[in-house]
Every structure is written in structure tokens, then in C-alpha cells.
Amino acid sequence: MTYQTELYAKELGQLRVERKNDEWIVMARREAARISASVGRVSVNELHDWAEATNTAPASELAYSAVFKGKEWKPTGQMVPARHQGSHGRKVMYWVYKSSVY
């Protein structure tokens, strides 16, 4: 498999995850924007906490990464260890919601 083919397969997989979890992603983006506005930043750790508290987990764990796609989300450059089960101690990015991007 060529590098280009691998990139295409990855993008296709991401689109499938987004399509299967589209309603959950919309709710999670709203919650992430609310958290960012009140605290100043948000990561998937807070989204996992919210999903657990509201019993609204996505169909796929990969949907969490789709929440921060788009021009309105800016990475802060700060990383924090992931707390959710199965994270294997990986670090995740903090994000800031920008309601108007220039």
C-alpha cells in the first residue's frame, strides 16, 4: 500500500466514524464549546467525563477526535495525560473554541 493510499484509507475511516456518530458529535461540540468558554480550554478528558455523566457515549471511541475538527477549534499547544480507559497514558491536546475565526 502506498503512502497516498494509506492517507486515503485513513480519511475514509474518519469520515465513516463521523457519519455513524454525527448526532453525538454535534452534542459533544456544544458541550466542548461550553466548557472552553467557562474554563478557557477543553480536552477529550472533559468530554469523556461529560459522556459518562450523561450516559451519551458515542458508538465509536474514535468519535472523540472528530469533535475538534474545524476552523473554530484551535490547539493550545498544552498536552495532558489522557484519563479514559484504554488511553494507555497517551497525551491529549487542550483546545480552545473560537466562535469567530479570522
C-alpha atoms as a PDB file:
ATOM      1  CA  MET A   1       0.000   0.000   0.000  1.00  0.00           C
ATOM      2  CA  THR A   2       1.417   3.395  -0.936  1.00  0.00           C
ATOM      3  CA  TYR A   3       1.594   6.339   1.415  1.00  0.00           C
ATOM      4  CA  GLN A   4      -1.124   8.134  -0.572  1.00  0.00           C
ATOM      5  CA  THR A   5      -3.378   5.082  -0.402  1.00  0.00           C
ATOM      6  CA  GLU A   6      -2.839   4.849   3.363  1.00  0.00           C
ATOM      7  CA  LEU A   7      -3.809   8.509   3.787  1.00  0.00           C
ATOM      8  CA  TYR A   8      -6.930   7.974   1.709  1.00  0.00           C
ATOM      9  CA  ALA A   9      -7.900   4.899   3.759  1.00  0.00           C
ATOM     10  CA  LYS A  10      -7.383   6.829   6.999  1.00  0.00           C
ATOM     11  CA  GLU A  11      -9.521   9.736   5.798  1.00  0.00           C
ATOM     12  CA  LEU A  12     -12.237   7.368   4.612  1.00  0.00           C
ATOM     13  CA  GLY A  13     -12.256   5.672   8.018  1.00  0.00           C
ATOM     14  CA  GLN A  14     -12.555   9.019   9.790  1.00  0.00           C
ATOM     15  CA  LEU A  15     -15.490  10.011   7.589  1.00  0.00           C
ATOM     16  CA  ARG A  16     -17.269   6.734   8.382  1.00  0.00           C
ATOM     17  CA  VAL A  17     -16.832   7.304  12.109  1.00  0.00           C
ATOM     18  CA  GLU A  18     -18.155  10.866  11.793  1.00  0.00           C
ATOM     19  CA  ARG A  19     -21.178   9.726   9.818  1.00  0.00           C
ATOM     20  CA  LYS A  20     -22.091   6.977  12.308  1.00  0.00           C
ATOM     21  CA  ASN A  21     -21.703   9.367  15.259  1.00  0.00           C
ATOM     22  CA  ASP A  22     -22.889  12.640  13.718  1.00  0.00           C
ATOM     23  CA  GLU A  23     -25.606  13.419  16.295  1.00  0.00           C
ATOM     24  CA  TRP A  24     -23.307  12.646  19.217  1.00  0.00           C
ATOM     25  CA  ILE A  25     -20.536  14.794  17.701  1.00  0.00           C
ATOM     26  CA  VAL A  26     -22.912  17.779  17.449  1.00  0.00           C
ATOM     27  CA  MET A  27     -23.859  17.399  21.134  1.00  0.00           C
ATOM     28  CA  ALA A  28     -20.228  16.917  22.158  1.00  0.00           C
ATOM     29  CA  ARG A  29     -19.123  20.014  20.223  1.00  0.00           C
ATOM     30  CA  ARG A  30     -21.755  22.083  22.034  1.00  0.00           C
ATOM     31  CA  GLU A  31     -20.548  20.785  25.372  1.00  0.00           C
ATOM     32  CA  ALA A  32     -16.889  21.292  24.441  1.00  0.00           C
ATOM     33  CA  ALA A  33     -17.625  24.897  23.391  1.00  0.00           C
ATOM     34  CA  ARG A  34     -19.423  25.475  26.698  1.00  0.00           C
ATOM     35  CA  ILE A  35     -16.503  24.061  28.684  1.00  0.00           C
ATOM     36  CA  SER A  36     -13.990  26.087  26.682  1.00  0.00           C
ATOM     37  CA  ALA A  37     -15.971  29.272  27.269  1.00  0.00           C
ATOM     38  CA  SER A  38     -16.261  28.690  31.016  1.00  0.00           C
ATOM     39  CA  VAL A  39     -12.820  27.228  31.772  1.00  0.00           C
ATOM     40  CA  GLY A  40     -10.733  28.589  28.897  1.00  0.00           C
ATOM     41  CA  ARG A  41      -9.807  25.228  27.356  1.00  0.00           C
ATOM     42  CA  VAL A  42     -11.090  21.690  26.880  1.00  0.00           C
ATOM     43  CA  SER A  43      -9.703  18.247  26.094  1.00  0.00           C
ATOM     44  CA  VAL A  44     -11.167  14.832  25.411  1.00  0.00           C
ATOM     45  CA  ASN A  45     -10.786  14.139  29.132  1.00  0.00           C
ATOM     46  CA  GLU A  46     -13.626  16.550  29.898  1.00  0.00           C
ATOM     47  CA  LEU A  47     -15.697  15.098  27.057  1.00  0.00           C
ATOM     48  CA  HIS A  48     -15.254  11.593  28.432  1.00  0.00           C
ATOM     49  CA  ASP A  49     -16.389  12.863  31.857  1.00  0.00           C
ATOM     50  CA  TRP A  50     -19.430  14.547  30.262  1.00  0.00           C
ATOM     51  CA  ALA A  51     -20.326  11.463  28.199  1.00  0.00           C
ATOM     52  CA  GLU A  52     -20.117   9.243  31.259  1.00  0.00           C
ATOM     53  CA  ALA A  53     -22.165  11.639  33.420  1.00  0.00           C
ATOM     54  CA  THR A  54     -24.882  11.995  30.781  1.00  0.00           C
ATOM     55  CA  ASN A  55     -24.726   8.395  29.529  1.00  0.00           C
ATOM     56  CA  THR A  56     -24.216   9.620  25.968  1.00  0.00           C
ATOM     57  CA  ALA A  57     -21.138   7.732  24.798  1.00  0.00           C
ATOM     58  CA  PRO A  58     -20.563   7.606  21.038  1.00  0.00           C
ATOM     59  CA  ALA A  59     -20.860   4.398  19.048  1.00  0.00           C
ATOM     60  CA  SER A  60     -17.087   4.553  18.436  1.00  0.00           C
ATOM     61  CA  GLU A  61     -14.295   5.840  20.680  1.00  0.00           C
ATOM     62  CA  LEU A  62     -12.773   7.389  17.554  1.00  0.00           C
ATOM     63  CA  ALA A  63     -15.619   9.942  17.512  1.00  0.00           C
ATOM     64  CA  TYR A  64     -13.923  11.930  20.285  1.00  0.00           C
ATOM     65  CA  SER A  65     -11.192  13.035  17.877  1.00  0.00           C
ATOM     66  CA  ALA A  66     -13.805  14.338  15.414  1.00  0.00           C
ATOM     67  CA  VAL A  67     -15.154  16.848  17.951  1.00  0.00           C
ATOM     68  CA  PHE A  68     -12.215  19.221  17.475  1.00  0.00           C
ATOM     69  CA  LYS A  69     -12.169  19.215  13.673  1.00  0.00           C
ATOM     70  CA  GLY A  70     -12.882  22.560  12.045  1.00  0.00           C
ATOM     71  CA  LYS A  71     -11.594  26.125  11.882  1.00  0.00           C
ATOM     72  CA  GLU A  72     -13.381  27.116  15.072  1.00  0.00           C
ATOM     73  CA  TRP A  73     -11.096  24.908  17.212  1.00  0.00           C
ATOM     74  CA  LYS A  74      -7.528  25.978  17.964  1.00  0.00           C
ATOM     75  CA  PRO A  75      -4.973  23.785  19.753  1.00  0.00           C
ATOM     76  CA  THR A  76      -3.348  25.461  22.759  1.00  0.00           C
ATOM     77  CA  GLY A  77      -0.108  23.516  22.467  1.00  0.00           C
ATOM     78  CA  GLN A  78      -0.609  22.196  26.013  1.00  0.00           C
ATOM     79  CA  MET A  79      -0.827  18.446  26.447  1.00  0.00           C
ATOM     80  CA  VAL A  80      -2.250  16.447  29.340  1.00  0.00           C
ATOM     81  CA  PRO A  81      -2.256  12.687  30.007  1.00  0.00           C
ATOM     82  CA  ALA A  82      -5.479  11.058  28.834  1.00  0.00           C
ATOM     83  CA  ARG A  83      -7.552   9.706  31.705  1.00  0.00           C
ATOM     84  CA  HIS A  84     -10.051   7.489  29.890  1.00  0.00           C
ATOM     85  CA  GLN A  85      -9.845   3.721  29.929  1.00  0.00           C
ATOM     86  CA  GLY A  86      -7.764   2.330  27.097  1.00  0.00           C
ATOM     87  CA  SER A  87      -5.724   5.515  26.622  1.00  0.00           C
ATOM     88  CA  HIS A  88      -2.510   3.770  27.667  1.00  0.00           C
ATOM     89  CA  GLY A  89      -1.153   7.007  29.112  1.00  0.00           C
ATOM     90  CA  ARG A  90      -1.198   8.880  25.806  1.00  0.00           C
ATOM     91  CA  LYS A  91      -1.188  12.651  25.921  1.00  0.00           C
ATOM     92  CA  VAL A  92      -4.087  14.655  24.501  1.00  0.00           C
ATOM     93  CA  MET A  93      -4.280  18.270  23.396  1.00  0.00           C
ATOM     94  CA  TYR A  94      -6.133  21.090  25.079  1.00  0.00           C
ATOM     95  CA  TRP A  95      -8.324  23.050  22.648  1.00  0.00           C
ATOM     96  CA  VAL A  96      -9.933  26.489  22.654  1.00  0.00           C
ATOM     97  CA  TYR A  97     -13.195  27.264  20.891  1.00  0.00           C
ATOM     98  CA  LYS A  98     -13.062  30.358  18.715  1.00  0.00           C
ATOM     99  CA  SER A  99     -16.589  31.388  17.766  1.00  0.00           C
ATOM    100  CA  SER A 100     -15.321  33.695  15.042  1.00  0.00           C
ATOM    101  CA  VAL A 101     -12.196  32.772  13.123  1.00  0.00           C
ATOM    102  CA  TYR A 102     -10.427  35.375  11.001  1.00  0.00           C
END
